[in-house]
Amino acid sequence: MLRIAICDDEQFYRDKIKRLLEKYLKEHDLNCEIHLFSSGKEFLDKSENSVKYDIVFMDINMEEMDGIQTAMQMRAFHSETYLVLITAFINYVLEGYKVDAVRYIMKDTLDAALPECMAAILQKMKIARVSFSFMEGERMLYADNLFYVESQRHKLIFYYMEEQTHRDTVRYHMYEKLDTIEQKLHGYGFLRIHKSYLVNMKHIRRIGNYTAVLSTGEELPVPRLRFQAVREEFVAYKGAM
């Protein structure tokens, strides 16, 4: 469940941002709570009560306390919040560096810019869902919860962590080439460690002795000829996290 705050002293823009967010989230089948604030003071009253938001859309130009001042105080409590600055004036663009904003959106570009902004943030947060047509039926899977995909002859087996329990592993099956799934999952942190295994690097504990040890305790083989390249890519991934 995502928690998103919109802070803008103009109701027109509060409502517009909320409407665009709801449309985007519905299209991507994501659950979310959206809270609206009409001033920096009102927002900070909630933030100081330990209400943490995953994403905050903050208008820069507000009376009494502007968005930069508000964001600076917010950062004292929540350094990991993704902050998006909204304004009608282009000359404020450099202010975003002071508060570690991930995006700066002009109000007259909201319709086009907000969906792109959300896609970029969700990619950073690694909250992504990918649709697959399995033998069990159409499924929308969280990429983060997919341990690995195994190729057995002409059939693929998806090993997936059940979202409700975060413990049980379920299996889904399809007839497809692993190369095709590798392309579909490109950009989500998956590594081809073997001609028969595509593994989510988030769930790899270590790579050594020509095996990849997963968070589940499973050990998958890494061929000698692939080992150096696989290990280097995994090390680079861990360093970029």
C-alpha atoms as a PDB file:
ATOM      1  CA  MET A   1       0.000   0.000   0.000  1.00  0.00           C
ATOM      2  CA  LEU A   2       1.552   3.260  -1.167  1.00  0.00           C
ATOM      3  CA  ARG A   3       1.039   6.405   0.917  1.00  0.00           C
ATOM      4  CA  ILE A   4       1.061   9.606  -1.111  1.00  0.00           C
ATOM      5  CA  ALA A   5       0.643  13.209   0.060  1.00  0.00           C
ATOM      6  CA  ILE A   6      -0.307  16.206  -2.064  1.00  0.00           C
ATOM      7  CA  CYS A   7       0.434  19.620  -0.568  1.00  0.00           C
ATOM      8  CA  ASP A   8      -0.825  22.630  -2.548  1.00  0.00           C
ATOM      9  CA  ASP A   9      -2.695  25.727  -1.423  1.00  0.00           C
ATOM     10  CA  GLU A  10      -4.820  25.725  -4.590  1.00  0.00           C
ATOM     11  CA  GLN A  11      -7.677  23.249  -4.519  1.00  0.00           C
ATOM     12  CA  PHE A  12      -7.763  23.070  -8.313  1.00  0.00           C
ATOM     13  CA  TYR A  13      -4.252  21.590  -8.422  1.00  0.00           C
ATOM     14  CA  ARG A  14      -4.728  19.363  -5.372  1.00  0.00           C
ATOM     15  CA  ASP A  15      -7.721  17.810  -7.089  1.00  0.00           C
ATOM     16  CA  LYS A  16      -6.016  17.580 -10.477  1.00  0.00           C
ATOM     17  CA  ILE A  17      -2.916  15.838  -9.125  1.00  0.00           C
ATOM     18  CA  LYS A  18      -5.109  13.456  -7.123  1.00  0.00           C
ATOM     19  CA  ARG A  19      -7.199  12.661 -10.197  1.00  0.00           C
ATOM     20  CA  LEU A  20      -4.114  11.983 -12.350  1.00  0.00           C
ATOM     21  CA  LEU A  21      -2.592   9.785  -9.648  1.00  0.00           C
ATOM     22  CA  GLU A  22      -5.764   7.743  -9.210  1.00  0.00           C
ATOM     23  CA  LYS A  23      -5.940   7.181 -12.965  1.00  0.00           C
ATOM     24  CA  TYR A  24      -2.297   6.058 -13.132  1.00  0.00           C
ATOM     25  CA  LEU A  25      -2.560   3.793 -10.092  1.00  0.00           C
ATOM     26  CA  LYS A  26      -5.748   2.166 -11.372  1.00  0.00           C
ATOM     27  CA  GLU A  27      -4.144   1.477 -14.753  1.00  0.00           C
ATOM     28  CA  HIS A  28      -1.197  -0.193 -12.990  1.00  0.00           C
ATOM     29  CA  ASP A  29      -3.328  -2.073 -10.457  1.00  0.00           C
ATOM     30  CA  LEU A  30      -1.650  -0.459  -7.425  1.00  0.00           C
ATOM     31  CA  ASN A  31      -3.284   0.232  -4.079  1.00  0.00           C
ATOM     32  CA  CYS A  32      -2.717   3.622  -2.513  1.00  0.00           C
ATOM     33  CA  GLU A  33      -3.802   6.095   0.144  1.00  0.00           C
ATOM     34  CA  ILE A  34      -3.758   9.731  -1.003  1.00  0.00           C
ATOM     35  CA  HIS A  35      -3.908  12.539   1.570  1.00  0.00           C
ATOM     36  CA  LEU A  36      -4.436  16.199   0.680  1.00  0.00           C
ATOM     37  CA  PHE A  37      -2.967  19.218   2.485  1.00  0.00           C
ATOM     38  CA  SER A  38      -3.711  22.878   1.818  1.00  0.00           C
ATOM     39  CA  SER A  39      -0.597  24.339   3.467  1.00  0.00           C
ATOM     40  CA  GLY A  40       2.897  23.513   4.602  1.00  0.00           C
ATOM     41  CA  LYS A  41       1.875  23.933   8.227  1.00  0.00           C
ATOM     42  CA  GLU A  42      -0.984  21.491   7.911  1.00  0.00           C
ATOM     43  CA  PHE A  43       1.349  18.976   6.251  1.00  0.00           C
ATOM     44  CA  LEU A  44       4.051  19.303   8.914  1.00  0.00           C
ATOM     45  CA  ASP A  45       1.547  18.883  11.726  1.00  0.00           C
ATOM     46  CA  LYS A  46       0.862  15.407  10.332  1.00  0.00           C
ATOM     47  CA  SER A  47       4.482  14.614   9.475  1.00  0.00           C
ATOM     48  CA  GLU A  48       5.653  15.422  12.992  1.00  0.00           C
ATOM     49  CA  ASN A  49       3.144  12.900  14.273  1.00  0.00           C
ATOM     50  CA  SER A  50       5.204  10.173  12.560  1.00  0.00           C
ATOM     51  CA  VAL A  51       3.024   9.918   9.465  1.00  0.00           C
ATOM     52  CA  LYS A  52       5.439   8.836   6.777  1.00  0.00           C
ATOM     53  CA  TYR A  53       4.665   9.161   3.077  1.00  0.00           C
ATOM     54  CA  ASP A  54       6.316   7.184   0.307  1.00  0.00           C
ATOM     55  CA  ILE A  55       5.809  10.025  -2.182  1.00  0.00           C
ATOM     56  CA  VAL A  56       5.051  13.717  -1.605  1.00  0.00           C
ATOM     57  CA  PHE A  57       3.913  16.142  -4.297  1.00  0.00           C
ATOM     58  CA  MET A  58       4.777  19.594  -2.934  1.00  0.00           C
ATOM     59  CA  ASP A  59       3.824  22.957  -4.405  1.00  0.00           C
ATOM     60  CA  ILE A  60       6.743  25.377  -4.088  1.00  0.00           C
ATOM     61  CA  ASN A  61       4.735  28.608  -4.142  1.00  0.00           C
ATOM     62  CA  MET A  62       2.545  28.597  -1.044  1.00  0.00           C
ATOM     63  CA  GLU A  63       1.787  31.449   1.358  1.00  0.00           C
ATOM     64  CA  GLU A  64       3.143  31.583   4.936  1.00  0.00           C
ATOM     65  CA  MET A  65       5.467  28.588   4.487  1.00  0.00           C
ATOM     66  CA  ASP A  66       6.570  27.723   0.968  1.00  0.00           C
ATOM     67  CA  GLY A  67       7.248  24.235  -0.344  1.00  0.00           C
ATOM     68  CA  ILE A  68      11.024  24.412   0.059  1.00  0.00           C
ATOM     69  CA  GLN A  69      10.768  25.378   3.737  1.00  0.00           C
ATOM     70  CA  THR A  70       8.175  22.663   4.282  1.00  0.00           C
ATOM     71  CA  ALA A  71      10.298  20.058   2.509  1.00  0.00           C
ATOM     72  CA  MET A  72      13.381  20.977   4.509  1.00  0.00           C
ATOM     73  CA  GLN A  73      11.518  20.329   7.759  1.00  0.00           C
ATOM     74  CA  MET A  74      10.052  17.120   6.342  1.00  0.00           C
ATOM     75  CA  ARG A  75      13.563  15.876   5.547  1.00  0.00           C
ATOM     76  CA  ALA A  76      14.473  16.121   9.231  1.00  0.00           C
ATOM     77  CA  PHE A  77      11.925  13.360   9.851  1.00  0.00           C
ATOM     78  CA  HIS A  78      11.772  11.349   6.630  1.00  0.00           C
ATOM     79  CA  SER A  79      14.900  11.293   4.493  1.00  0.00           C
ATOM     80  CA  GLU A  80      13.674   8.411   2.307  1.00  0.00           C
ATOM     81  CA  THR A  81      10.469  10.049   1.062  1.00  0.00           C
ATOM     82  CA  TYR A  82      10.378  10.633  -2.702  1.00  0.00           C
ATOM     83  CA  LEU A  83       9.730  14.353  -3.129  1.00  0.00           C
ATOM     84  CA  VAL A  84       8.250  15.883  -6.287  1.00  0.00           C
ATOM     85  CA  LEU A  85       8.194  19.683  -6.496  1.00  0.00           C
ATOM     86  CA  ILE A  86       5.330  21.338  -8.347  1.00  0.00           C
ATOM     87  CA  THR A  87       5.350  24.962  -9.489  1.00  0.00           C
ATOM     88  CA  ALA A  88       4.098  27.399 -12.106  1.00  0.00           C
ATOM     89  CA  PHE A  89       7.421  29.248 -12.248  1.00  0.00           C
ATOM     90  CA  ILE A  90      10.481  27.825 -13.994  1.00  0.00           C
ATOM     91  CA  ASN A  91      12.959  29.996 -12.067  1.00  0.00           C
ATOM     92  CA  TYR A  92      12.616  27.759  -8.978  1.00  0.00           C
ATOM     93  CA  VAL A  93      14.145  24.693 -10.599  1.00  0.00           C
ATOM     94  CA  LEU A  94      17.472  24.896  -8.704  1.00  0.00           C
ATOM     95  CA  GLU A  95      15.673  24.952  -5.358  1.00  0.00           C
ATOM     96  CA  GLY A  96      15.010  21.242  -5.681  1.00  0.00           C
ATOM     97  CA  TYR A  97      18.634  20.380  -4.960  1.00  0.00           C
ATOM     98  CA  LYS A  98      18.276  21.765  -1.437  1.00  0.00           C
ATOM     99  CA  VAL A  99      15.660  19.187  -0.499  1.00  0.00           C
ATOM    100  CA  ASP A 100      16.760  16.224  -2.653  1.00  0.00           C
ATOM    101  CA  ALA A 101      13.750  16.314  -4.957  1.00  0.00           C
ATOM    102  CA  VAL A 102      13.500  13.475  -7.465  1.00  0.00           C
ATOM    103  CA  ARG A 103      11.422  15.477  -9.940  1.00  0.00           C
ATOM    104  CA  TYR A 104      10.434  19.055 -10.713  1.00  0.00           C
ATOM    105  CA  ILE A 105       7.136  19.429 -12.597  1.00  0.00           C
ATOM    106  CA  MET A 106       5.629  22.555 -14.126  1.00  0.00           C
ATOM    107  CA  LYS A 107       1.919  22.841 -13.442  1.00  0.00           C
ATOM    108  CA  ASP A 108       1.083  23.303 -17.114  1.00  0.00           C
ATOM    109  CA  THR A 109       2.743  19.933 -17.944  1.00  0.00           C
ATOM    110  CA  LEU A 110       1.083  17.804 -15.248  1.00  0.00           C
ATOM    111  CA  ASP A 111      -0.952  15.650 -17.644  1.00  0.00           C
ATOM    112  CA  ALA A 112       2.129  14.402 -19.491  1.00  0.00           C
ATOM    113  CA  ALA A 113       4.758  14.683 -16.755  1.00  0.00           C
ATOM    114  CA  LEU A 114       3.017  13.029 -13.817  1.00  0.00           C
ATOM    115  CA  PRO A 115       2.673   9.509 -15.340  1.00  0.00           C
ATOM    116  CA  GLU A 116       6.342   9.562 -16.365  1.00  0.00           C
ATOM    117  CA  CYS A 117       7.276  10.793 -12.909  1.00  0.00           C
ATOM    118  CA  MET A 118       5.358   7.984 -11.203  1.00  0.00           C
ATOM    119  CA  ALA A 119       6.902   5.357 -13.477  1.00  0.00           C
ATOM    120  CA  ALA A 120      10.399   6.588 -12.617  1.00  0.00           C
ATOM    121  CA  ILE A 121       9.679   6.649  -8.882  1.00  0.00           C
ATOM    122  CA  LEU A 122       8.105   3.203  -8.839  1.00  0.00           C
ATOM    123  CA  GLN A 123      11.104   1.861 -10.722  1.00  0.00           C
ATOM    124  CA  LYS A 124      13.378   3.328  -8.049  1.00  0.00           C
ATOM    125  CA  MET A 125      11.136   1.865  -5.358  1.00  0.00           C
ATOM    126  CA  LYS A 126      11.077  -1.414  -7.271  1.00  0.00           C
ATOM    127  CA  ILE A 127       7.329  -1.607  -6.934  1.00  0.00           C
ATOM    128  CA  ALA A 128       6.533  -3.046 -10.317  1.00  0.00           C
ATOM    129  CA  ARG A 129       3.981  -5.557 -11.502  1.00  0.00           C
ATOM    130  CA  VAL A 130       4.334  -7.572 -14.684  1.00  0.00           C
ATOM    131  CA  SER A 131       1.578  -9.512 -16.423  1.00  0.00           C
ATOM    132  CA  PHE A 132       2.107 -13.098 -17.631  1.00  0.00           C
ATOM    133  CA  SER A 133      -0.125 -15.625 -19.370  1.00  0.00           C
ATOM    134  CA  PHE A 134       0.418 -18.859 -17.471  1.00  0.00           C
ATOM    135  CA  MET A 135      -1.114 -22.279 -17.880  1.00  0.00           C
ATOM    136  CA  GLU A 136      -2.880 -21.429 -14.602  1.00  0.00           C
ATOM    137  CA  GLY A 137      -4.316 -18.273 -16.194  1.00  0.00           C
ATOM    138  CA  GLU A 138      -3.386 -14.603 -16.494  1.00  0.00           C
ATOM    139  CA  ARG A 139      -1.436 -13.356 -13.477  1.00  0.00           C
ATOM    140  CA  MET A 140      -0.050  -9.966 -12.451  1.00  0.00           C
ATOM    141  CA  LEU A 141       3.127 -10.597 -10.448  1.00  0.00           C
ATOM    142  CA  TYR A 142       5.258  -8.266  -8.354  1.00  0.00           C
ATOM    143  CA  ALA A 143       8.710  -8.417  -9.966  1.00  0.00           C
ATOM    144  CA  ASP A 144      10.326  -8.160  -6.525  1.00  0.00           C
ATOM    145  CA  ASN A 145       8.538 -11.317  -5.353  1.00  0.00           C
ATOM    146  CA  LEU A 146       9.708 -13.474  -8.245  1.00  0.00           C
ATOM    147  CA  PHE A 147      12.672 -15.572  -7.076  1.00  0.00           C
ATOM    148  CA  TYR A 148      13.689 -17.058 -10.408  1.00  0.00           C
ATOM    149  CA  VAL A 149      12.483 -18.620 -13.650  1.00  0.00           C
ATOM    150  CA  GLU A 150      13.624 -22.098 -14.641  1.00  0.00           C
ATOM    151  CA  SER A 151      13.552 -23.576 -18.123  1.00  0.00           C
ATOM    152  CA  GLN A 152      12.753 -27.282 -18.354  1.00  0.00           C
ATOM    153  CA  ARG A 153      12.797 -28.388 -21.952  1.00  0.00           C
ATOM    154  CA  HIS A 154      10.077 -26.270 -23.588  1.00  0.00           C
ATOM    155  CA  LYS A 155       8.349 -25.249 -20.365  1.00  0.00           C
ATOM    156  CA  LEU A 156       9.156 -22.440 -17.925  1.00  0.00           C
ATOM    157  CA  ILE A 157       8.559 -22.594 -14.177  1.00  0.00           C
ATOM    158  CA  PHE A 158       8.192 -19.333 -12.225  1.00  0.00           C
ATOM    159  CA  TYR A 159       9.083 -19.566  -8.520  1.00  0.00           C
ATOM    160  CA  TYR A 160       7.137 -16.806  -6.799  1.00  0.00           C
ATOM    161  CA  MET A 161       6.759 -15.585  -3.216  1.00  0.00           C
ATOM    162  CA  GLU A 162       3.087 -15.437  -2.274  1.00  0.00           C
ATOM    163  CA  GLU A 163       2.190 -11.802  -1.552  1.00  0.00           C
ATOM    164  CA  GLN A 164      -0.149 -12.570   1.341  1.00  0.00           C
ATOM    165  CA  THR A 165       2.334 -14.531   3.458  1.00  0.00           C
ATOM    166  CA  HIS A 166       5.740 -13.496   2.106  1.00  0.00           C
ATOM    167  CA  ARG A 167       6.802 -17.059   2.924  1.00  0.00           C
ATOM    168  CA  ASP A 168       5.077 -19.603   0.715  1.00  0.00           C
ATOM    169  CA  THR A 169       6.552 -20.210  -2.733  1.00  0.00           C
ATOM    170  CA  VAL A 170       4.086 -20.903  -5.509  1.00  0.00           C
ATOM    171  CA  ARG A 171       4.862 -22.109  -9.005  1.00  0.00           C
ATOM    172  CA  TYR A 172       3.421 -20.919 -12.291  1.00  0.00           C
ATOM    173  CA  HIS A 173       4.011 -22.571 -15.636  1.00  0.00           C
ATOM    174  CA  MET A 174       4.043 -21.542 -19.291  1.00  0.00           C
ATOM    175  CA  TYR A 175       5.362 -22.658 -22.656  1.00  0.00           C
ATOM    176  CA  GLU A 176       7.799 -19.951 -23.732  1.00  0.00           C
ATOM    177  CA  LYS A 177      11.489 -19.342 -24.363  1.00  0.00           C
ATOM    178  CA  LEU A 178      13.551 -18.098 -21.445  1.00  0.00           C
ATOM    179  CA  ASP A 179      15.124 -15.521 -23.784  1.00  0.00           C
ATOM    180  CA  THR A 180      11.694 -13.915 -24.240  1.00  0.00           C
ATOM    181  CA  ILE A 181      11.080 -13.665 -20.487  1.00  0.00           C
ATOM    182  CA  GLU A 182      14.596 -12.298 -19.974  1.00  0.00           C
ATOM    183  CA  GLN A 183      13.759  -9.464 -22.371  1.00  0.00           C
ATOM    184  CA  LYS A 184      10.420  -8.830 -20.660  1.00  0.00           C
ATOM    185  CA  LEU A 185      12.067  -8.591 -17.237  1.00  0.00           C
ATOM    186  CA  HIS A 186      14.942  -6.418 -18.447  1.00  0.00           C
ATOM    187  CA  GLY A 187      15.449  -3.507 -16.076  1.00  0.00           C
ATOM    188  CA  TYR A 188      13.984  -5.303 -13.045  1.00  0.00           C
ATOM    189  CA  GLY A 189      17.264  -6.719 -11.712  1.00  0.00           C
ATOM    190  CA  PHE A 190      17.205 -10.227 -13.190  1.00  0.00           C
ATOM    191  CA  LEU A 191      20.391 -12.068 -14.117  1.00  0.00           C
ATOM    192  CA  ARG A 192      20.815 -15.007 -16.503  1.00  0.00           C
ATOM    193  CA  ILE A 193      23.183 -17.168 -14.461  1.00  0.00           C
ATOM    194  CA  HIS A 194      22.704 -20.282 -16.609  1.00  0.00           C
ATOM    195  CA  LYS A 195      21.019 -21.144 -19.885  1.00  0.00           C
ATOM    196  CA  SER A 196      18.174 -22.593 -17.784  1.00  0.00           C
ATOM    197  CA  TYR A 197      17.957 -20.040 -14.948  1.00  0.00           C
ATOM    198  CA  LEU A 198      16.940 -16.376 -14.839  1.00  0.00           C
ATOM    199  CA  VAL A 199      17.346 -15.164 -11.239  1.00  0.00           C
ATOM    200  CA  ASN A 200      16.179 -12.076  -9.350  1.00  0.00           C
ATOM    201  CA  MET A 201      19.418 -10.576  -7.965  1.00  0.00           C
ATOM    202  CA  LYS A 202      17.490  -9.197  -5.004  1.00  0.00           C
ATOM    203  CA  HIS A 203      17.157 -12.785  -3.786  1.00  0.00           C
ATOM    204  CA  ILE A 204      20.771 -13.841  -4.346  1.00  0.00           C
ATOM    205  CA  ARG A 205      22.735 -13.986  -1.084  1.00  0.00           C
ATOM    206  CA  ARG A 206      26.088 -14.765  -2.632  1.00  0.00           C
ATOM    207  CA  ILE A 207      27.787 -16.204  -5.680  1.00  0.00           C
ATOM    208  CA  GLY A 208      30.744 -18.544  -5.236  1.00  0.00           C
ATOM    209  CA  ASN A 209      32.029 -22.044  -6.015  1.00  0.00           C
ATOM    210  CA  TYR A 210      30.078 -21.952  -9.270  1.00  0.00           C
ATOM    211  CA  THR A 211      26.738 -21.625  -7.511  1.00  0.00           C
ATOM    212  CA  ALA A 212      24.285 -18.861  -6.677  1.00  0.00           C
ATOM    213  CA  VAL A 213      22.876 -19.156  -3.161  1.00  0.00           C
ATOM    214  CA  LEU A 214      19.380 -17.698  -2.858  1.00  0.00           C
ATOM    215  CA  SER A 215      17.545 -16.197   0.102  1.00  0.00           C
ATOM    216  CA  THR A 216      15.421 -19.351   0.118  1.00  0.00           C
ATOM    217  CA  GLY A 217      18.512 -21.466   0.765  1.00  0.00           C
ATOM    218  CA  GLU A 218      18.435 -22.963  -2.723  1.00  0.00           C
ATOM    219  CA  GLU A 219      21.667 -23.282  -4.673  1.00  0.00           C
ATOM    220  CA  LEU A 220      21.553 -22.879  -8.439  1.00  0.00           C
ATOM    221  CA  PRO A 221      24.458 -23.780 -10.727  1.00  0.00           C
ATOM    222  CA  VAL A 222      26.583 -21.177 -12.505  1.00  0.00           C
ATOM    223  CA  PRO A 223      28.598 -22.664 -15.393  1.00  0.00           C
ATOM    224  CA  ARG A 224      32.353 -22.168 -15.311  1.00  0.00           C
ATOM    225  CA  LEU A 225      32.337 -20.218 -18.581  1.00  0.00           C
ATOM    226  CA  ARG A 226      29.677 -17.788 -17.275  1.00  0.00           C
ATOM    227  CA  PHE A 227      30.936 -17.537 -13.717  1.00  0.00           C
ATOM    228  CA  GLN A 228      33.198 -14.468 -13.978  1.00  0.00           C
ATOM    229  CA  ALA A 229      30.679 -12.404 -15.946  1.00  0.00           C
ATOM    230  CA  VAL A 230      27.821 -13.429 -13.636  1.00  0.00           C
ATOM    231  CA  ARG A 231      29.785 -12.557 -10.508  1.00  0.00           C
ATOM    232  CA  GLU A 232      30.848  -9.169 -11.914  1.00  0.00           C
ATOM    233  CA  GLU A 233      27.276  -8.243 -12.825  1.00  0.00           C
ATOM    234  CA  PHE A 234      26.032  -9.265  -9.377  1.00  0.00           C
ATOM    235  CA  VAL A 235      28.768  -7.238  -7.646  1.00  0.00           C
ATOM    236  CA  ALA A 236      27.882  -4.218  -9.807  1.00  0.00           C
ATOM    237  CA  TYR A 237      24.212  -4.621  -8.895  1.00  0.00           C
ATOM    238  CA  LYS A 238      24.950  -4.789  -5.170  1.00  0.00           C
ATOM    239  CA  GLY A 239      27.162  -1.730  -5.442  1.00  0.00           C
ATOM    240  CA  ALA A 240      24.423   0.263  -7.188  1.00  0.00           C
ATOM    241  CA  MET A 241      21.779  -0.509  -4.541  1.00  0.00           C
END
